C-alpha atoms as a PDB file:
ATOM      1  CA  MET A   1      34.528 -28.575  60.531  1.00  0.00           C
ATOM      2  CA  ASN A   2      33.196 -28.939  57.074  1.00  0.00           C
ATOM      3  CA  ALA A   3      29.475 -29.788  57.309  1.00  0.00           C
ATOM      4  CA  ALA A   4      28.943 -30.418  53.566  1.00  0.00           C
ATOM      5  CA  PRO A   5      29.013 -34.059  52.501  1.00  0.00           C
ATOM      6  CA  THR A   6      31.636 -35.108  50.029  1.00  0.00           C
ATOM      7  CA  PRO A   7      30.247 -36.069  46.597  1.00  0.00           C
ATOM      8  CA  THR A   8      30.729 -39.582  45.307  1.00  0.00           C
ATOM      9  CA  PRO A   9      31.569 -40.351  41.650  1.00  0.00           C
ATOM     10  CA  ASP A  10      28.373 -42.422  41.150  1.00  0.00           C
ATOM     11  CA  GLN A  11      26.232 -39.479  42.137  1.00  0.00           C
ATOM     12  CA  PHE A  12      26.631 -37.695  38.727  1.00  0.00           C
ATOM     13  CA  ASP A  13      26.247 -40.677  36.392  1.00  0.00           C
ATOM     14  CA  GLN A  14      22.423 -41.023  36.545  1.00  0.00           C
ATOM     15  CA  PRO A  15      20.073 -38.047  36.382  1.00  0.00           C
ATOM     16  CA  ALA A  16      17.912 -37.674  39.408  1.00  0.00           C
ATOM     17  CA  SER A  17      14.159 -37.818  39.001  1.00  0.00           C
ATOM     18  CA  GLY A  18      12.763 -34.482  37.816  1.00  0.00           C
ATOM     19  CA  GLN A  19      15.931 -33.539  35.973  1.00  0.00           C
ATOM     20  CA  TYR A  20      16.340 -33.516  32.212  1.00  0.00           C
ATOM     21  CA  SER A  21      17.899 -36.480  30.513  1.00  0.00           C
ATOM     22  CA  ASN A  22      19.208 -34.568  27.470  1.00  0.00           C
ATOM     23  CA  PRO A  23      21.276 -31.543  28.456  1.00  0.00           C
ATOM     24  CA  SER A  24      21.339 -30.157  24.879  1.00  0.00           C
ATOM     25  CA  THR A  25      17.605 -29.394  24.952  1.00  0.00           C
ATOM     26  CA  GLY A  26      17.952 -27.103  27.925  1.00  0.00           C
ATOM     27  CA  GLN A  27      15.348 -26.241  30.500  1.00  0.00           C
ATOM     28  CA  TYR A  28      12.436 -25.641  28.079  1.00  0.00           C
ATOM     29  CA  GLY A  29      12.568 -28.689  25.835  1.00  0.00           C
ATOM     30  CA  ALA A  30      13.690 -28.700  22.210  1.00  0.00           C
ATOM     31  CA  PRO A  31      16.048 -25.939  21.093  1.00  0.00           C
ATOM     32  CA  GLN A  32      14.357 -23.040  19.389  1.00  0.00           C
ATOM     33  CA  SER A  33      15.052 -22.576  15.709  1.00  0.00           C
ATOM     34  CA  TYR A  34      14.423 -19.517  13.630  1.00  0.00           C
ATOM     35  CA  SER A  35      11.494 -19.748  11.285  1.00  0.00           C
ATOM     36  CA  ASN A  36      12.152 -19.627   7.578  1.00  0.00           C
ATOM     37  CA  GLN A  37       9.459 -17.040   7.014  1.00  0.00           C
ATOM     38  CA  ASN A  38      10.450 -14.295   4.683  1.00  0.00           C
ATOM     39  CA  HIS A  39      10.146 -10.914   6.364  1.00  0.00           C
ATOM     40  CA  TYR A  40       8.945  -9.495   3.061  1.00  0.00           C
ATOM     41  CA  SER A  41       5.827 -11.678   3.144  1.00  0.00           C
ATOM     42  CA  GLN A  42       4.038  -8.893   5.011  1.00  0.00           C
ATOM     43  CA  ARG A  43       4.261  -6.773   1.888  1.00  0.00           C
ATOM     44  CA  SER A  44       2.152  -9.290   0.004  1.00  0.00           C
ATOM     45  CA  GLU A  45      -0.603  -8.802   2.577  1.00  0.00           C
ATOM     46  CA  GLU A  46      -0.849  -5.105   1.762  1.00  0.00           C
ATOM     47  CA  ASP A  47      -3.414  -3.707  -0.609  1.00  0.00           C
ATOM     48  CA  PRO A  48      -2.279  -4.531  -4.170  1.00  0.00           C
ATOM     49  CA  GLY A  49      -3.843  -1.314  -5.468  1.00  0.00           C
ATOM     50  CA  LYS A  50      -2.151   0.941  -2.931  1.00  0.00           C
ATOM     51  CA  VAL A  51       0.647   2.174  -5.197  1.00  0.00           C
ATOM     52  CA  LEU A  52      -1.679   2.715  -8.144  1.00  0.00           C
ATOM     53  CA  GLY A  53      -4.002   4.663  -5.845  1.00  0.00           C
ATOM     54  CA  ILE A  54      -1.161   6.990  -4.913  1.00  0.00           C
ATOM     55  CA  VAL A  55      -0.207   7.353  -8.589  1.00  0.00           C
ATOM     56  CA  SER A  56      -3.832   8.156  -9.403  1.00  0.00           C
ATOM     57  CA  LEU A  57      -4.104  10.918  -6.827  1.00  0.00           C
ATOM     58  CA  VAL A  58      -0.713  12.432  -7.667  1.00  0.00           C
ATOM     59  CA  ALA A  59      -1.417  12.334 -11.415  1.00  0.00           C
ATOM     60  CA  THR A  60      -4.792  13.986 -10.921  1.00  0.00           C
ATOM     61  CA  LEU A  61      -3.351  16.691  -8.698  1.00  0.00           C
ATOM     62  CA  SER A  62      -0.649  17.351 -11.298  1.00  0.00           C
ATOM     63  CA  THR A  63      -3.372  19.395 -12.993  1.00  0.00           C
ATOM     64  CA  PHE A  64      -2.250  22.262 -10.775  1.00  0.00           C
ATOM     65  CA  LEU A  65       1.273  21.961 -12.204  1.00  0.00           C
ATOM     66  CA  GLY A  66       0.094  22.471 -15.772  1.00  0.00           C
ATOM     67  CA  PHE A  67      -0.713  18.913 -16.859  1.00  0.00           C
ATOM     68  CA  ASN A  68      -4.292  19.913 -17.589  1.00  0.00           C
ATOM     69  CA  PHE A  69      -5.246  17.048 -19.891  1.00  0.00           C
ATOM     70  CA  ILE A  70      -2.842  14.172 -19.308  1.00  0.00           C
ATOM     71  CA  GLY A  71      -2.943  14.351 -15.482  1.00  0.00           C
ATOM     72  CA  PRO A  72      -6.685  13.732 -15.056  1.00  0.00           C
ATOM     73  CA  VAL A  73      -6.728  11.061 -17.780  1.00  0.00           C
ATOM     74  CA  VAL A  74      -3.886   9.136 -16.103  1.00  0.00           C
ATOM     75  CA  GLY A  75      -5.610   9.663 -12.736  1.00  0.00           C
ATOM     76  CA  ILE A  76      -8.901   8.236 -14.002  1.00  0.00           C
ATOM     77  CA  ILE A  77      -7.262   5.181 -15.596  1.00  0.00           C
ATOM     78  CA  THR A  78      -4.953   4.325 -12.686  1.00  0.00           C
ATOM     79  CA  GLY A  79      -7.685   5.059 -10.131  1.00  0.00           C
ATOM     80  CA  HIS A  80      -9.996   2.579 -11.826  1.00  0.00           C
ATOM     81  CA  MET A  81      -7.227  -0.033 -12.045  1.00  0.00           C
ATOM     82  CA  ALA A  82      -6.301   0.444  -8.368  1.00  0.00           C
ATOM     83  CA  ARG A  83      -9.873   0.127  -7.119  1.00  0.00           C
ATOM     84  CA  LYS A  84     -10.410  -2.984  -9.223  1.00  0.00           C
ATOM     85  CA  ARG A  85      -7.242  -4.634  -7.850  1.00  0.00           C
ATOM     86  CA  SER A  86      -8.173  -3.720  -4.287  1.00  0.00           C
ATOM     87  CA  GLN A  87     -11.679  -5.112  -4.617  1.00  0.00           C
ATOM     88  CA  GLU A  88     -10.452  -8.336  -6.258  1.00  0.00           C
ATOM     89  CA  ALA A  89      -8.017  -8.882  -3.376  1.00  0.00           C
ATOM     90  CA  GLY A  90     -10.754  -8.186  -0.840  1.00  0.00           C
ATOM     91  CA  CYS A  91      -8.880  -5.270   0.727  1.00  0.00           C
ATOM     92  CA  GLY A  92     -11.898  -3.001   0.849  1.00  0.00           C
ATOM     93  CA  ASN A  93     -12.138   0.485  -0.499  1.00  0.00           C
ATOM     94  CA  ASN A  94      -9.005   2.219  -1.763  1.00  0.00           C
ATOM     95  CA  GLU A  95      -9.587   5.826  -0.710  1.00  0.00           C
ATOM     96  CA  MET A  96      -6.701   7.398  -2.626  1.00  0.00           C
ATOM     97  CA  ALA A  97      -7.725   5.649  -5.817  1.00  0.00           C
ATOM     98  CA  LYS A  98     -11.324   6.718  -5.286  1.00  0.00           C
ATOM     99  CA  TRP A  99     -10.377  10.363  -4.841  1.00  0.00           C
ATOM    100  CA  GLY A 100      -7.931  10.242  -7.742  1.00  0.00           C
ATOM    101  CA  PHE A 101     -10.707   8.851  -9.937  1.00  0.00           C
ATOM    102  CA  ILE A 102     -13.338  11.366  -8.754  1.00  0.00           C
ATOM    103  CA  LEU A 103     -11.043  14.397  -8.958  1.00  0.00           C
ATOM    104  CA  GLY A 104      -9.816  13.225 -12.365  1.00  0.00           C
ATOM    105  CA  LEU A 105     -13.392  13.210 -13.636  1.00  0.00           C
ATOM    106  CA  VAL A 106     -14.077  16.635 -12.091  1.00  0.00           C
ATOM    107  CA  PHE A 107     -10.925  18.226 -13.523  1.00  0.00           C
ATOM    108  CA  LEU A 108     -11.481  16.673 -16.940  1.00  0.00           C
ATOM    109  CA  GLY A 109     -15.092  17.912 -16.870  1.00  0.00           C
ATOM    110  CA  LEU A 110     -13.930  21.421 -15.970  1.00  0.00           C
ATOM    111  CA  LEU A 111     -11.395  21.266 -18.803  1.00  0.00           C
ATOM    112  CA  VAL A 112     -14.090  20.302 -21.318  1.00  0.00           C
ATOM    113  CA  ILE A 113     -16.414  23.051 -20.045  1.00  0.00           C
ATOM    114  CA  GLY A 114     -13.557  25.566 -20.330  1.00  0.00           C
ATOM    115  CA  TRP A 115     -12.801  24.478 -23.887  1.00  0.00           C
ATOM    116  CA  ALA A 116     -16.492  24.683 -24.804  1.00  0.00           C
ATOM    117  CA  LEU A 117     -16.820  28.159 -23.295  1.00  0.00           C
ATOM    118  CA  GLY A 118     -13.630  29.328 -24.976  1.00  0.00           C
ATOM    119  CA  ILE A 119     -14.742  28.065 -28.380  1.00  0.00           C
ATOM    120  CA  SER A 120     -18.247  29.504 -27.988  1.00  0.00           C
ATOM    121  CA  PHE A 121     -16.917  32.900 -26.881  1.00  0.00           C
ATOM    122  CA  GLY A 122     -14.546  32.847 -29.846  1.00  0.00           C
ATOM    123  CA  ILE A 123     -17.376  32.106 -32.253  1.00  0.00           C
ATOM    124  CA  VAL A 124     -19.656  34.744 -30.710  1.00  0.00           C
ATOM    125  CA  GLY A 125     -16.868  37.326 -30.741  1.00  0.00           C
ATOM    126  CA  GLY A 126     -16.002  36.512 -34.362  1.00  0.00           C
ATOM    127  CA  LEU A 127     -19.633  36.793 -35.442  1.00  0.00           C
ATOM    128  CA  ALA A 128     -20.045  40.042 -33.502  1.00  0.00           C
ATOM    129  CA  SER A 129     -17.041  41.539 -35.269  1.00  0.00           C
ATOM    130  CA  LEU A 130     -18.402  40.469 -38.675  1.00  0.00           C
ATOM    131  CA  MET A 131     -21.800  42.004 -37.943  1.00  0.00           C
ATOM    132  CA  ALA A 132     -20.300  45.268 -36.720  1.00  0.00           C
ATOM    133  CA  GLY A 133     -17.885  45.718 -39.525  1.00  0.00           C
END
């Protein structure tokens, strides 16, 4: 009472129409291969001035840690370098470098004003003591 037909040996030799002739390619055509792209290539697409921008901002803010002269100077130099690299690469405006540069100029300006006031007060106080005595 078996209703299924018995297969013949010739039935499996030729592929039927609509079936694939090469079984190694599978259902979707050629086998997929992994691309040889380096996963680190995305890093080259980042802003080339990004790290220098961070260095600029950190160096400028190191003024609050006691690096009153060297911090702003390093911040101004690295901020300028970072913005130049970013603009040459066409990555737009590097905000951290911009703020490191601006704050470096502000802190250096405040330092110069403080030195000038300190020297002028010293001179005025010295002259006042000479006149009084």
